[in-house]
Amino acid sequence: MRIREDIYWQWADANLHSRCHDEALSDGTSFDVQVRLSAQGATQLFLGLYSREGTAIREEYYRQRPGETMTRAMVWGVDRARALAVGALDVAAPVPRRQA
C-alpha cells in the first residue's frame, strides 16, 4: 500500500478522468504516473516514487505541461520516474520548472 503525501492530495480530484501507469522494479521500488486534462483543458501530470514499504520517496505535480498531449506527458513522466528510481536523477534535486 502506498502512503500518499501532500503533493498527491493536491493532485487528487475524483471529478477529472486520468490515465495512469504503475510500475514495480525488482528491488521493490514502485512508481505511479498519472496524466489528465484539467477543467480548463491543461495537460497535468502527477509522478510518485515509492519505497518497497510504500513510503513516498518523491512526489511531483505539474499543473501544466504546455504543448504536450496526455500521451506525450505520460511518456515524459514514465521516463523521469524510471530515471529517478534507478538513480540517474537525484531525488533530492528541486522539481524542474518548464518555460511556458
N, C-alpha and C. Protein backbone atom coordinates (compact mmCIF):
# COMPACT_ATOMS: atom_id res chain seq x y z
N MET A 1 0.83 -1.18 0.00
CA MET A 1 0.00 0.00 0.00
C MET A 1 0.88 1.25 0.00
N ARG A 2 0.53 2.20 -0.83
CA ARG A 2 1.29 3.45 -0.90
C ARG A 2 0.80 4.44 0.14
N ILE A 3 1.73 5.11 0.74
CA ILE A 3 1.40 6.15 1.70
C ILE A 3 1.57 7.48 0.97
N ARG A 4 0.45 8.07 0.59
CA ARG A 4 0.46 9.31 -0.19
C ARG A 4 0.76 10.51 0.71
N GLU A 5 1.44 11.48 0.12
CA GLU A 5 1.78 12.70 0.85
C GLU A 5 1.03 13.89 0.27
N ASP A 6 1.33 15.07 0.77
CA ASP A 6 0.60 16.29 0.40
C ASP A 6 0.52 16.54 -1.10
N ILE A 7 1.60 16.27 -1.83
CA ILE A 7 1.60 16.53 -3.27
C ILE A 7 0.50 15.72 -3.95
N TYR A 8 0.36 14.46 -3.58
CA TYR A 8 -0.69 13.63 -4.18
C TYR A 8 -2.06 14.23 -3.89
N TRP A 9 -2.30 14.64 -2.65
CA TRP A 9 -3.62 15.15 -2.29
C TRP A 9 -3.92 16.49 -2.95
N GLN A 10 -2.87 17.24 -3.31
CA GLN A 10 -3.07 18.45 -4.10
C GLN A 10 -3.52 18.07 -5.52
N TRP A 11 -3.01 16.97 -6.02
CA TRP A 11 -3.33 16.46 -7.36
C TRP A 11 -4.73 15.85 -7.41
N ALA A 12 -5.08 15.11 -6.40
CA ALA A 12 -6.30 14.29 -6.40
C ALA A 12 -7.56 15.11 -6.70
N ASP A 13 -8.34 14.63 -7.65
CA ASP A 13 -9.63 15.24 -7.98
C ASP A 13 -10.46 14.16 -8.65
N ALA A 14 -11.37 13.60 -7.90
CA ALA A 14 -12.19 12.48 -8.40
C ALA A 14 -13.08 12.87 -9.58
N ASN A 15 -13.27 14.15 -9.81
CA ASN A 15 -14.14 14.59 -10.90
C ASN A 15 -13.43 14.61 -12.25
N LEU A 16 -12.10 14.50 -12.25
CA LEU A 16 -11.35 14.53 -13.50
C LEU A 16 -10.86 13.13 -13.85
N HIS A 17 -11.09 12.72 -15.08
CA HIS A 17 -10.62 11.43 -15.56
C HIS A 17 -9.11 11.50 -15.77
N SER A 18 -8.40 10.47 -15.34
CA SER A 18 -6.96 10.44 -15.56
C SER A 18 -6.56 9.07 -16.10
N ARG A 19 -5.39 9.06 -16.72
CA ARG A 19 -4.78 7.81 -17.18
C ARG A 19 -3.57 7.57 -16.28
N CYS A 20 -3.27 6.30 -16.01
CA CYS A 20 -2.15 6.05 -15.11
C CYS A 20 -1.26 4.92 -15.62
N HIS A 21 -0.04 4.97 -15.15
CA HIS A 21 0.95 3.93 -15.42
C HIS A 21 1.61 3.60 -14.09
N ASP A 22 1.48 2.35 -13.65
CA ASP A 22 2.13 1.86 -12.44
C ASP A 22 3.22 0.88 -12.85
N GLU A 23 4.34 0.95 -12.15
CA GLU A 23 5.42 0.02 -12.45
C GLU A 23 6.15 -0.32 -11.16
N ALA A 24 6.54 -1.58 -11.01
CA ALA A 24 7.33 -2.02 -9.86
C ALA A 24 8.67 -2.54 -10.37
N LEU A 25 9.73 -2.13 -9.70
CA LEU A 25 11.07 -2.57 -10.07
C LEU A 25 11.47 -3.78 -9.23
N SER A 26 12.53 -4.46 -9.63
CA SER A 26 12.94 -5.70 -8.96
C SER A 26 13.34 -5.49 -7.50
N ASP A 27 13.76 -4.27 -7.13
CA ASP A 27 14.14 -4.01 -5.74
C ASP A 27 12.95 -3.62 -4.86
N GLY A 28 11.75 -3.62 -5.44
CA GLY A 28 10.55 -3.29 -4.68
C GLY A 28 10.11 -1.85 -4.80
N THR A 29 10.98 -1.00 -5.34
CA THR A 29 10.60 0.39 -5.59
C THR A 29 9.49 0.39 -6.63
N SER A 30 8.53 1.29 -6.47
CA SER A 30 7.47 1.39 -7.47
C SER A 30 7.21 2.85 -7.79
N PHE A 31 6.58 3.06 -8.93
CA PHE A 31 6.18 4.42 -9.25
C PHE A 31 4.82 4.42 -9.92
N ASP A 32 4.20 5.59 -9.82
CA ASP A 32 2.85 5.83 -10.32
C ASP A 32 2.90 7.14 -11.09
N VAL A 33 2.55 7.10 -12.36
CA VAL A 33 2.49 8.31 -13.17
C VAL A 33 1.06 8.45 -13.66
N GLN A 34 0.47 9.63 -13.47
CA GLN A 34 -0.90 9.88 -13.89
C GLN A 34 -0.95 11.17 -14.68
N VAL A 35 -1.74 11.17 -15.74
CA VAL A 35 -1.96 12.38 -16.54
C VAL A 35 -3.45 12.61 -16.67
N ARG A 36 -3.81 13.86 -16.88
CA ARG A 36 -5.21 14.23 -17.07
C ARG A 36 -5.29 15.59 -17.72
N LEU A 37 -6.51 15.93 -18.14
CA LEU A 37 -6.79 17.29 -18.60
C LEU A 37 -7.56 17.99 -17.49
N SER A 38 -7.12 19.20 -17.15
CA SER A 38 -7.83 19.98 -16.14
C SER A 38 -9.17 20.44 -16.71
N ALA A 39 -10.01 21.01 -15.89
CA ALA A 39 -11.30 21.53 -16.35
C ALA A 39 -11.11 22.62 -17.41
N GLN A 40 -9.94 23.28 -17.38
CA GLN A 40 -9.63 24.32 -18.36
C GLN A 40 -8.90 23.77 -19.59
N GLY A 41 -8.64 22.46 -19.63
CA GLY A 41 -8.01 21.83 -20.79
C GLY A 41 -6.50 21.73 -20.73
N ALA A 42 -5.89 22.06 -19.60
CA ALA A 42 -4.43 21.95 -19.47
C ALA A 42 -4.04 20.50 -19.18
N THR A 43 -2.98 20.03 -19.82
CA THR A 43 -2.44 18.72 -19.53
C THR A 43 -1.70 18.79 -18.20
N GLN A 44 -2.07 17.91 -17.27
CA GLN A 44 -1.46 17.89 -15.94
C GLN A 44 -0.86 16.52 -15.69
N LEU A 45 0.17 16.48 -14.83
CA LEU A 45 0.88 15.23 -14.58
C LEU A 45 1.21 15.09 -13.10
N PHE A 46 1.05 13.88 -12.59
CA PHE A 46 1.49 13.51 -11.24
C PHE A 46 2.47 12.37 -11.38
N LEU A 47 3.54 12.43 -10.58
CA LEU A 47 4.54 11.37 -10.55
C LEU A 47 4.82 11.05 -9.09
N GLY A 48 4.72 9.79 -8.73
CA GLY A 48 5.04 9.36 -7.36
C GLY A 48 6.01 8.19 -7.39
N LEU A 49 7.06 8.29 -6.59
CA LEU A 49 8.07 7.24 -6.46
C LEU A 49 8.01 6.74 -5.01
N TYR A 50 7.89 5.41 -4.82
CA TYR A 50 7.63 4.84 -3.51
C TYR A 50 8.59 3.70 -3.19
N SER A 51 8.93 3.59 -1.92
CA SER A 51 9.81 2.51 -1.46
C SER A 51 9.05 1.18 -1.42
N ARG A 52 9.77 0.11 -1.18
CA ARG A 52 9.17 -1.22 -1.05
C ARG A 52 8.08 -1.22 0.02
N GLU A 53 8.29 -0.43 1.07
CA GLU A 53 7.33 -0.36 2.18
C GLU A 53 6.14 0.54 1.85
N GLY A 54 6.20 1.26 0.75
CA GLY A 54 5.10 2.12 0.34
C GLY A 54 5.24 3.58 0.71
N THR A 55 6.31 3.93 1.41
CA THR A 55 6.50 5.34 1.76
C THR A 55 6.97 6.13 0.54
N ALA A 56 6.54 7.38 0.49
CA ALA A 56 6.89 8.23 -0.64
C ALA A 56 8.37 8.60 -0.59
N ILE A 57 9.05 8.39 -1.70
CA ILE A 57 10.42 8.85 -1.88
C ILE A 57 10.38 10.24 -2.50
N ARG A 58 9.47 10.39 -3.46
CA ARG A 58 9.29 11.69 -4.12
C ARG A 58 7.93 11.70 -4.80
N GLU A 59 7.26 12.85 -4.72
CA GLU A 59 6.02 13.07 -5.45
C GLU A 59 6.13 14.43 -6.14
N GLU A 60 5.68 14.49 -7.37
CA GLU A 60 5.71 15.73 -8.15
C GLU A 60 4.35 15.92 -8.81
N TYR A 61 3.92 17.17 -8.87
CA TYR A 61 2.65 17.52 -9.53
C TYR A 61 2.93 18.70 -10.44
N TYR A 62 2.66 18.50 -11.72
CA TYR A 62 2.83 19.55 -12.72
C TYR A 62 1.45 20.04 -13.12
N ARG A 63 1.13 21.26 -12.79
CA ARG A 63 -0.20 21.84 -13.08
C ARG A 63 -0.39 22.08 -14.58
N GLN A 64 0.70 22.20 -15.31
CA GLN A 64 0.62 22.36 -16.76
C GLN A 64 1.82 21.72 -17.41
N ARG A 65 1.59 21.08 -18.54
CA ARG A 65 2.65 20.57 -19.41
C ARG A 65 2.39 21.23 -20.76
N PRO A 66 2.74 22.51 -20.89
CA PRO A 66 2.41 23.28 -22.10
C PRO A 66 2.87 22.60 -23.39
N GLY A 67 1.96 22.55 -24.34
CA GLY A 67 2.28 21.99 -25.65
C GLY A 67 2.34 20.48 -25.70
N GLU A 68 1.98 19.80 -24.60
CA GLU A 68 2.03 18.35 -24.59
C GLU A 68 0.63 17.74 -24.52
N THR A 69 0.46 16.68 -25.28
CA THR A 69 -0.76 15.88 -25.16
C THR A 69 -0.64 15.02 -23.91
N MET A 70 -1.72 14.37 -23.53
CA MET A 70 -1.67 13.46 -22.40
C MET A 70 -0.68 12.32 -22.66
N THR A 71 -0.65 11.82 -23.88
CA THR A 71 0.25 10.72 -24.23
C THR A 71 1.70 11.15 -24.11
N ARG A 72 2.01 12.31 -24.65
CA ARG A 72 3.39 12.81 -24.60
C ARG A 72 3.83 13.08 -23.16
N ALA A 73 2.93 13.66 -22.36
CA ALA A 73 3.24 13.92 -20.95
C ALA A 73 3.46 12.61 -20.20
N MET A 74 2.67 11.59 -20.50
CA MET A 74 2.82 10.28 -19.86
C MET A 74 4.20 9.69 -20.16
N VAL A 75 4.61 9.75 -21.40
CA VAL A 75 5.93 9.22 -21.78
C VAL A 75 7.03 9.95 -21.01
N TRP A 76 6.95 11.29 -20.96
CA TRP A 76 7.93 12.08 -20.23
C TRP A 76 7.93 11.68 -18.75
N GLY A 77 6.75 11.55 -18.16
CA GLY A 77 6.65 11.21 -16.74
C GLY A 77 7.20 9.84 -16.43
N VAL A 78 6.90 8.85 -17.26
CA VAL A 78 7.42 7.49 -17.05
C VAL A 78 8.94 7.49 -17.18
N ASP A 79 9.47 8.17 -18.19
CA ASP A 79 10.93 8.25 -18.35
C ASP A 79 11.56 8.90 -17.12
N ARG A 80 10.97 9.99 -16.65
CA ARG A 80 11.51 10.69 -15.47
C ARG A 80 11.42 9.79 -14.23
N ALA A 81 10.30 9.11 -14.04
CA ALA A 81 10.14 8.23 -12.88
C ALA A 81 11.17 7.11 -12.90
N ARG A 82 11.39 6.50 -14.05
CA ARG A 82 12.39 5.43 -14.16
C ARG A 82 13.78 5.97 -13.83
N ALA A 83 14.11 7.15 -14.36
CA ALA A 83 15.42 7.74 -14.09
C ALA A 83 15.60 8.05 -12.61
N LEU A 84 14.57 8.55 -11.96
CA LEU A 84 14.64 8.79 -10.52
C LEU A 84 14.79 7.48 -9.75
N ALA A 85 14.06 6.46 -10.17
CA ALA A 85 14.06 5.18 -9.47
C ALA A 85 15.41 4.48 -9.53
N VAL A 86 16.11 4.60 -10.64
CA VAL A 86 17.40 3.90 -10.79
C VAL A 86 18.59 4.77 -10.42
N GLY A 87 18.33 6.00 -10.00
CA GLY A 87 19.42 6.88 -9.56
C GLY A 87 20.07 7.71 -10.64
N ALA A 88 19.52 7.70 -11.84
CA ALA A 88 20.08 8.52 -12.93
C ALA A 88 19.79 10.01 -12.71
N LEU A 89 18.76 10.31 -11.90
CA LEU A 89 18.44 11.67 -11.49
C LEU A 89 18.42 11.70 -9.97
N ASP A 90 18.82 12.80 -9.39
CA ASP A 90 18.88 12.97 -7.95
C ASP A 90 17.48 13.24 -7.40
N VAL A 91 16.97 12.37 -6.53
CA VAL A 91 15.64 12.57 -5.98
C VAL A 91 15.57 13.77 -5.05
N ALA A 92 16.70 14.25 -4.57
CA ALA A 92 16.71 15.41 -3.67
C ALA A 92 16.76 16.73 -4.45
N ALA A 93 16.99 16.66 -5.76
CA ALA A 93 17.08 17.88 -6.57
C ALA A 93 15.70 18.54 -6.69
N PRO A 94 15.67 19.87 -6.84
CA PRO A 94 14.39 20.56 -7.00
C PRO A 94 13.64 20.06 -8.23
N VAL A 95 12.32 20.17 -8.18
CA VAL A 95 11.48 19.80 -9.31
C VAL A 95 11.77 20.76 -10.45
N PRO A 96 11.99 20.24 -11.67
CA PRO A 96 12.27 21.13 -12.80
C PRO A 96 11.08 22.01 -13.15
N ARG A 97 11.34 23.21 -13.56
CA ARG A 97 10.27 24.13 -13.99
C ARG A 97 10.42 24.33 -15.50
N ARG A 98 9.30 24.27 -16.17
CA ARG A 98 9.29 24.44 -17.63
C ARG A 98 8.96 25.86 -17.99
N GLN A 99 9.58 26.33 -19.02
CA GLN A 99 9.25 27.64 -19.57
C GLN A 99 7.97 27.50 -20.37
N ALA A 100 7.04 28.41 -20.21
CA ALA A 100 5.78 28.34 -20.96
C ALA A 100 5.96 28.91 -22.35
